[in-house]
Protein backbone atom coordinates (compact mmCIF):
# COMPACT_ATOMS: atom_id res chain seq x y z
CA UNK A 1 0.00 0.00 0.00
CA UNK A 2 1.41 3.42 -0.96
CA UNK A 3 1.95 6.08 1.68
CA UNK A 4 -0.33 9.07 1.41
CA UNK A 5 0.77 12.57 2.19
CA UNK A 6 -0.89 13.90 5.35
CA UNK A 7 -2.75 17.18 5.07
CA UNK A 8 -0.46 19.90 6.39
CA UNK A 9 -2.57 22.49 8.14
CA UNK A 10 0.08 24.41 10.08
CA UNK A 11 3.74 25.41 9.92
CA UNK A 12 6.33 22.62 9.94
CA UNK A 13 9.63 22.69 11.83
CA UNK A 14 12.26 24.79 10.05
CA UNK A 15 15.58 23.90 11.73
CA UNK A 16 18.18 26.63 11.45
CA UNK A 17 21.26 24.56 12.33
CA UNK A 18 22.52 20.98 12.23
CA UNK A 19 21.85 20.20 15.91
CA UNK A 20 18.22 21.28 15.73
CA UNK A 21 17.86 19.45 12.39
CA UNK A 22 19.14 16.26 14.06
CA UNK A 23 16.44 16.53 16.75
CA UNK A 24 13.72 16.82 14.09
CA UNK A 25 15.21 13.95 12.05
CA UNK A 26 14.79 11.70 15.10
CA UNK A 27 11.19 12.91 15.46
CA UNK A 28 10.54 12.15 11.78
CA UNK A 29 11.48 8.53 12.65
CA UNK A 30 9.10 8.80 15.63
CA UNK A 31 11.95 8.65 18.14
CA UNK A 32 12.18 11.20 20.95
CA UNK A 33 15.93 11.67 21.37
CA UNK A 34 18.00 14.17 23.30
CA UNK A 35 21.67 14.96 23.56
CA UNK A 36 23.56 13.38 26.45
CA UNK A 37 26.97 14.59 27.56
CA UNK A 38 29.78 12.06 27.11
CA UNK A 39 31.71 13.51 30.04
CA UNK A 40 29.08 13.79 32.79
CA UNK A 41 26.00 12.03 31.30
CA UNK A 42 23.78 15.12 31.69
CA UNK A 43 20.78 15.16 29.36
CA UNK A 44 20.11 18.36 27.45
CA UNK A 45 17.36 19.92 25.39
CA UNK A 46 17.20 22.09 23.33
CA UNK A 47 20.20 20.88 21.35
CA UNK A 48 23.32 22.90 22.13
CA UNK A 49 27.04 22.90 21.46
CA UNK A 50 28.24 22.51 25.07
CA UNK A 51 27.02 20.88 28.23
CA UNK A 52 25.61 23.44 30.69
CA UNK A 53 26.88 21.34 33.59
CA UNK A 54 30.52 20.61 32.68
CA UNK A 55 31.16 22.52 29.44
CA UNK A 56 32.05 19.47 27.37
CA UNK A 57 31.36 19.62 23.65
CA UNK A 58 31.24 15.82 23.34
CA UNK A 59 27.78 14.24 23.28
CA UNK A 60 25.71 11.45 21.84
CA UNK A 61 22.03 11.27 20.93
CA UNK A 62 20.06 8.91 23.17
CA UNK A 63 16.46 7.84 23.02
CA UNK A 64 14.17 9.16 25.75
CA UNK A 65 11.66 6.99 27.55
CA UNK A 66 9.04 9.44 26.27
CA UNK A 67 7.43 9.40 29.71
CA UNK A 68 7.10 12.42 31.91
CA UNK A 69 4.82 14.64 33.95
CA UNK A 70 3.09 17.91 33.24
CA UNK A 71 5.21 20.68 34.71
CA UNK A 72 3.08 23.59 33.46
CA UNK A 73 0.59 24.43 30.74
CA UNK A 74 -1.45 27.15 29.12
CA UNK A 75 -4.76 26.99 27.31
CA UNK A 76 -4.85 28.84 24.00
CA UNK A 77 -8.20 30.45 23.22
CA UNK A 78 -7.15 32.64 20.29
CA UNK A 79 -5.36 31.14 17.33
CA UNK A 80 -1.93 32.69 16.74
CA UNK A 81 -2.25 31.72 13.05
CA UNK A 82 -5.25 30.94 10.88
CA UNK A 83 -4.06 27.32 10.63
CA UNK A 84 -4.78 26.84 14.36
CA UNK A 85 -8.30 28.36 14.37
CA UNK A 86 -10.12 25.02 14.23
CA UNK A 87 -8.10 23.71 17.20
CA UNK A 88 -8.97 26.32 19.84
CA UNK A 89 -9.15 25.92 22.72
CA UNK A 90 -6.06 23.74 22.96
CA UNK A 91 -3.40 23.09 25.57
CA UNK A 92 0.31 23.71 25.24
CA UNK A 93 2.29 21.77 27.84
CA UNK A 94 5.68 21.98 29.44
CA UNK A 95 6.55 18.36 30.19
CA UNK A 96 9.38 17.29 32.47
CA UNK A 97 10.59 13.97 31.13
CA UNK A 98 12.02 11.15 33.23
CA UNK A 99 15.49 12.14 31.98
CA UNK A 100 15.09 15.58 33.57
CA UNK A 101 14.75 17.67 30.42
CA UNK A 102 11.71 19.84 29.86
CA UNK A 103 10.06 20.36 26.52
CA UNK A 104 7.05 22.17 25.10
CA UNK A 105 4.45 20.21 23.14
CA UNK A 106 0.74 19.84 22.59
CA UNK A 107 -1.81 17.69 24.40
CA UNK A 108 -3.64 15.00 22.40
CA UNK A 109 -6.25 12.33 23.13
CA UNK A 110 -7.77 14.43 25.94
CA UNK A 111 -9.23 17.85 26.54
CA UNK A 112 -7.66 20.59 28.64
CA UNK A 113 -10.01 19.76 31.52
CA UNK A 114 -7.87 16.71 32.45
CA UNK A 115 -4.76 18.80 33.10
CA UNK A 116 -3.20 19.00 36.55
CA UNK A 117 0.32 19.38 37.85
CA UNK A 118 2.31 16.14 37.71
CA UNK A 119 -0.20 14.49 35.36
CA UNK A 120 1.65 11.46 33.93
CA UNK A 121 2.00 11.71 30.15
CA UNK A 122 3.70 9.86 27.31
CA UNK A 123 4.92 10.97 23.93
CA UNK A 124 3.07 10.18 20.73
CA UNK A 125 3.97 11.44 17.29
CA UNK A 126 1.65 13.28 14.95
CA UNK A 127 2.63 12.62 11.35
CA UNK A 128 2.33 15.97 9.55
CA UNK A 129 4.29 15.13 6.38
CA UNK A 130 6.02 12.07 4.98
CA UNK A 131 9.29 13.39 6.42
CA UNK A 132 8.01 15.17 9.54
CA UNK A 133 6.35 14.14 12.80
CA UNK A 134 5.62 16.34 15.80
CA UNK A 135 6.03 15.06 19.35
CA UNK A 136 2.82 15.47 21.35
CA UNK A 137 1.82 14.14 24.76
CA UNK A 138 -1.19 12.19 25.95
CA UNK A 139 -2.22 11.25 29.49
CA UNK A 140 -1.12 7.79 30.62
CA UNK A 141 -2.41 5.58 33.39
CA UNK A 142 -0.15 4.92 36.36
C-alpha atoms as a PDB file:
ATOM      1  CA  UNK A   1       0.000   0.000   0.000  1.00  0.00           C
ATOM      2  CA  UNK A   2       1.407   3.415  -0.960  1.00  0.00           C
ATOM      3  CA  UNK A   3       1.951   6.076   1.679  1.00  0.00           C
ATOM      4  CA  UNK A   4      -0.327   9.065   1.413  1.00  0.00           C
ATOM      5  CA  UNK A   5       0.775  12.575   2.190  1.00  0.00           C
ATOM      6  CA  UNK A   6      -0.891  13.902   5.348  1.00  0.00           C
ATOM      7  CA  UNK A   7      -2.752  17.178   5.070  1.00  0.00           C
ATOM      8  CA  UNK A   8      -0.456  19.900   6.390  1.00  0.00           C
ATOM      9  CA  UNK A   9      -2.572  22.493   8.144  1.00  0.00           C
ATOM     10  CA  UNK A  10       0.078  24.412  10.079  1.00  0.00           C
ATOM     11  CA  UNK A  11       3.742  25.407   9.916  1.00  0.00           C
ATOM     12  CA  UNK A  12       6.327  22.617   9.939  1.00  0.00           C
ATOM     13  CA  UNK A  13       9.635  22.694  11.828  1.00  0.00           C
ATOM     14  CA  UNK A  14      12.262  24.788  10.046  1.00  0.00           C
ATOM     15  CA  UNK A  15      15.579  23.904  11.728  1.00  0.00           C
ATOM     16  CA  UNK A  16      18.184  26.633  11.446  1.00  0.00           C
ATOM     17  CA  UNK A  17      21.256  24.562  12.332  1.00  0.00           C
ATOM     18  CA  UNK A  18      22.520  20.977  12.227  1.00  0.00           C
ATOM     19  CA  UNK A  19      21.848  20.202  15.910  1.00  0.00           C
ATOM     20  CA  UNK A  20      18.218  21.283  15.728  1.00  0.00           C
ATOM     21  CA  UNK A  21      17.861  19.449  12.393  1.00  0.00           C
ATOM     22  CA  UNK A  22      19.142  16.257  14.058  1.00  0.00           C
ATOM     23  CA  UNK A  23      16.444  16.527  16.753  1.00  0.00           C
ATOM     24  CA  UNK A  24      13.720  16.816  14.088  1.00  0.00           C
ATOM     25  CA  UNK A  25      15.212  13.950  12.052  1.00  0.00           C
ATOM     26  CA  UNK A  26      14.789  11.695  15.097  1.00  0.00           C
ATOM     27  CA  UNK A  27      11.195  12.909  15.463  1.00  0.00           C
ATOM     28  CA  UNK A  28      10.543  12.148  11.776  1.00  0.00           C
ATOM     29  CA  UNK A  29      11.478   8.531  12.650  1.00  0.00           C
ATOM     30  CA  UNK A  30       9.098   8.804  15.631  1.00  0.00           C
ATOM     31  CA  UNK A  31      11.946   8.651  18.139  1.00  0.00           C
ATOM     32  CA  UNK A  32      12.177  11.196  20.950  1.00  0.00           C
ATOM     33  CA  UNK A  33      15.933  11.667  21.375  1.00  0.00           C
ATOM     34  CA  UNK A  34      17.995  14.171  23.305  1.00  0.00           C
ATOM     35  CA  UNK A  35      21.674  14.955  23.557  1.00  0.00           C
ATOM     36  CA  UNK A  36      23.560  13.375  26.446  1.00  0.00           C
ATOM     37  CA  UNK A  37      26.970  14.594  27.562  1.00  0.00           C
ATOM     38  CA  UNK A  38      29.777  12.056  27.106  1.00  0.00           C
ATOM     39  CA  UNK A  39      31.711  13.515  30.044  1.00  0.00           C
ATOM     40  CA  UNK A  40      29.081  13.792  32.794  1.00  0.00           C
ATOM     41  CA  UNK A  41      26.002  12.026  31.302  1.00  0.00           C
ATOM     42  CA  UNK A  42      23.778  15.117  31.689  1.00  0.00           C
ATOM     43  CA  UNK A  43      20.778  15.163  29.361  1.00  0.00           C
ATOM     44  CA  UNK A  44      20.109  18.357  27.448  1.00  0.00           C
ATOM     45  CA  UNK A  45      17.359  19.915  25.388  1.00  0.00           C
ATOM     46  CA  UNK A  46      17.201  22.089  23.327  1.00  0.00           C
ATOM     47  CA  UNK A  47      20.199  20.882  21.347  1.00  0.00           C
ATOM     48  CA  UNK A  48      23.322  22.903  22.128  1.00  0.00           C
ATOM     49  CA  UNK A  49      27.040  22.899  21.458  1.00  0.00           C
ATOM     50  CA  UNK A  50      28.237  22.514  25.066  1.00  0.00           C
ATOM     51  CA  UNK A  51      27.015  20.883  28.233  1.00  0.00           C
ATOM     52  CA  UNK A  52      25.609  23.438  30.694  1.00  0.00           C
ATOM     53  CA  UNK A  53      26.881  21.337  33.591  1.00  0.00           C
ATOM     54  CA  UNK A  54      30.517  20.612  32.677  1.00  0.00           C
ATOM     55  CA  UNK A  55      31.155  22.515  29.440  1.00  0.00           C
ATOM     56  CA  UNK A  56      32.051  19.465  27.369  1.00  0.00           C
ATOM     57  CA  UNK A  57      31.362  19.618  23.647  1.00  0.00           C
ATOM     58  CA  UNK A  58      31.238  15.820  23.343  1.00  0.00           C
ATOM     59  CA  UNK A  59      27.779  14.243  23.277  1.00  0.00           C
ATOM     60  CA  UNK A  60      25.705  11.448  21.842  1.00  0.00           C
ATOM     61  CA  UNK A  61      22.033  11.266  20.928  1.00  0.00           C
ATOM     62  CA  UNK A  62      20.056   8.910  23.174  1.00  0.00           C
ATOM     63  CA  UNK A  63      16.459   7.842  23.023  1.00  0.00           C
ATOM     64  CA  UNK A  64      14.170   9.159  25.745  1.00  0.00           C
ATOM     65  CA  UNK A  65      11.663   6.993  27.552  1.00  0.00           C
ATOM     66  CA  UNK A  66       9.035   9.442  26.268  1.00  0.00           C
ATOM     67  CA  UNK A  67       7.433   9.397  29.709  1.00  0.00           C
ATOM     68  CA  UNK A  68       7.096  12.419  31.906  1.00  0.00           C
ATOM     69  CA  UNK A  69       4.824  14.637  33.948  1.00  0.00           C
ATOM     70  CA  UNK A  70       3.085  17.915  33.237  1.00  0.00           C
ATOM     71  CA  UNK A  71       5.212  20.681  34.712  1.00  0.00           C
ATOM     72  CA  UNK A  72       3.084  23.586  33.459  1.00  0.00           C
ATOM     73  CA  UNK A  73       0.586  24.431  30.737  1.00  0.00           C
ATOM     74  CA  UNK A  74      -1.451  27.147  29.116  1.00  0.00           C
ATOM     75  CA  UNK A  75      -4.763  26.991  27.307  1.00  0.00           C
ATOM     76  CA  UNK A  76      -4.846  28.843  23.997  1.00  0.00           C
ATOM     77  CA  UNK A  77      -8.199  30.454  23.217  1.00  0.00           C
ATOM     78  CA  UNK A  78      -7.148  32.642  20.293  1.00  0.00           C
ATOM     79  CA  UNK A  79      -5.362  31.138  17.334  1.00  0.00           C
ATOM     80  CA  UNK A  80      -1.928  32.689  16.736  1.00  0.00           C
ATOM     81  CA  UNK A  81      -2.249  31.719  13.053  1.00  0.00           C
ATOM     82  CA  UNK A  82      -5.252  30.943  10.882  1.00  0.00           C
ATOM     83  CA  UNK A  83      -4.063  27.323  10.631  1.00  0.00           C
ATOM     84  CA  UNK A  84      -4.779  26.844  14.359  1.00  0.00           C
ATOM     85  CA  UNK A  85      -8.297  28.357  14.368  1.00  0.00           C
ATOM     86  CA  UNK A  86     -10.121  25.017  14.235  1.00  0.00           C
ATOM     87  CA  UNK A  87      -8.103  23.712  17.196  1.00  0.00           C
ATOM     88  CA  UNK A  88      -8.966  26.319  19.843  1.00  0.00           C
ATOM     89  CA  UNK A  89      -9.155  25.922  22.722  1.00  0.00           C
ATOM     90  CA  UNK A  90      -6.057  23.739  22.956  1.00  0.00           C
ATOM     91  CA  UNK A  91      -3.404  23.092  25.566  1.00  0.00           C
ATOM     92  CA  UNK A  92       0.309  23.709  25.245  1.00  0.00           C
ATOM     93  CA  UNK A  93       2.291  21.773  27.841  1.00  0.00           C
ATOM     94  CA  UNK A  94       5.681  21.983  29.443  1.00  0.00           C
ATOM     95  CA  UNK A  95       6.549  18.360  30.195  1.00  0.00           C
ATOM     96  CA  UNK A  96       9.375  17.285  32.470  1.00  0.00           C
ATOM     97  CA  UNK A  97      10.590  13.966  31.126  1.00  0.00           C
ATOM     98  CA  UNK A  98      12.025  11.148  33.230  1.00  0.00           C
ATOM     99  CA  UNK A  99      15.490  12.138  31.980  1.00  0.00           C
ATOM    100  CA  UNK A 100      15.091  15.584  33.567  1.00  0.00           C
ATOM    101  CA  UNK A 101      14.749  17.666  30.423  1.00  0.00           C
ATOM    102  CA  UNK A 102      11.711  19.836  29.858  1.00  0.00           C
ATOM    103  CA  UNK A 103      10.056  20.361  26.521  1.00  0.00           C
ATOM    104  CA  UNK A 104       7.046  22.168  25.102  1.00  0.00           C
ATOM    105  CA  UNK A 105       4.451  20.206  23.141  1.00  0.00           C
ATOM    106  CA  UNK A 106       0.737  19.836  22.592  1.00  0.00           C
ATOM    107  CA  UNK A 107      -1.813  17.685  24.403  1.00  0.00           C
ATOM    108  CA  UNK A 108      -3.637  14.998  22.400  1.00  0.00           C
ATOM    109  CA  UNK A 109      -6.251  12.328  23.131  1.00  0.00           C
ATOM    110  CA  UNK A 110      -7.770  14.431  25.936  1.00  0.00           C
ATOM    111  CA  UNK A 111      -9.233  17.854  26.535  1.00  0.00           C
ATOM    112  CA  UNK A 112      -7.656  20.594  28.639  1.00  0.00           C
ATOM    113  CA  UNK A 113     -10.012  19.760  31.522  1.00  0.00           C
ATOM    114  CA  UNK A 114      -7.869  16.713  32.447  1.00  0.00           C
ATOM    115  CA  UNK A 115      -4.760  18.795  33.100  1.00  0.00           C
ATOM    116  CA  UNK A 116      -3.198  19.001  36.550  1.00  0.00           C
ATOM    117  CA  UNK A 117       0.319  19.382  37.850  1.00  0.00           C
ATOM    118  CA  UNK A 118       2.309  16.136  37.708  1.00  0.00           C
ATOM    119  CA  UNK A 119      -0.198  14.485  35.358  1.00  0.00           C
ATOM    120  CA  UNK A 120       1.654  11.456  33.929  1.00  0.00           C
ATOM    121  CA  UNK A 121       2.003  11.711  30.151  1.00  0.00           C
ATOM    122  CA  UNK A 122       3.697   9.865  27.310  1.00  0.00           C
ATOM    123  CA  UNK A 123       4.917  10.973  23.930  1.00  0.00           C
ATOM    124  CA  UNK A 124       3.070  10.178  20.728  1.00  0.00           C
ATOM    125  CA  UNK A 125       3.967  11.444  17.287  1.00  0.00           C
ATOM    126  CA  UNK A 126       1.652  13.277  14.948  1.00  0.00           C
ATOM    127  CA  UNK A 127       2.628  12.618  11.346  1.00  0.00           C
ATOM    128  CA  UNK A 128       2.330  15.974   9.545  1.00  0.00           C
ATOM    129  CA  UNK A 129       4.288  15.131   6.382  1.00  0.00           C
ATOM    130  CA  UNK A 130       6.021  12.072   4.976  1.00  0.00           C
ATOM    131  CA  UNK A 131       9.291  13.393   6.419  1.00  0.00           C
ATOM    132  CA  UNK A 132       8.009  15.172   9.541  1.00  0.00           C
ATOM    133  CA  UNK A 133       6.348  14.141  12.799  1.00  0.00           C
ATOM    134  CA  UNK A 134       5.616  16.342  15.804  1.00  0.00           C
ATOM    135  CA  UNK A 135       6.032  15.059  19.354  1.00  0.00           C
ATOM    136  CA  UNK A 136       2.818  15.472  21.351  1.00  0.00           C
ATOM    137  CA  UNK A 137       1.816  14.142  24.762  1.00  0.00           C
ATOM    138  CA  UNK A 138      -1.193  12.191  25.953  1.00  0.00           C
ATOM    139  CA  UNK A 139      -2.218  11.250  29.491  1.00  0.00           C
ATOM    140  CA  UNK A 140      -1.121   7.794  30.622  1.00  0.00           C
ATOM    141  CA  UNK A 141      -2.405   5.575  33.386  1.00  0.00           C
ATOM    142  CA  UNK A 142      -0.153   4.918  36.360  1.00  0.00           C
END
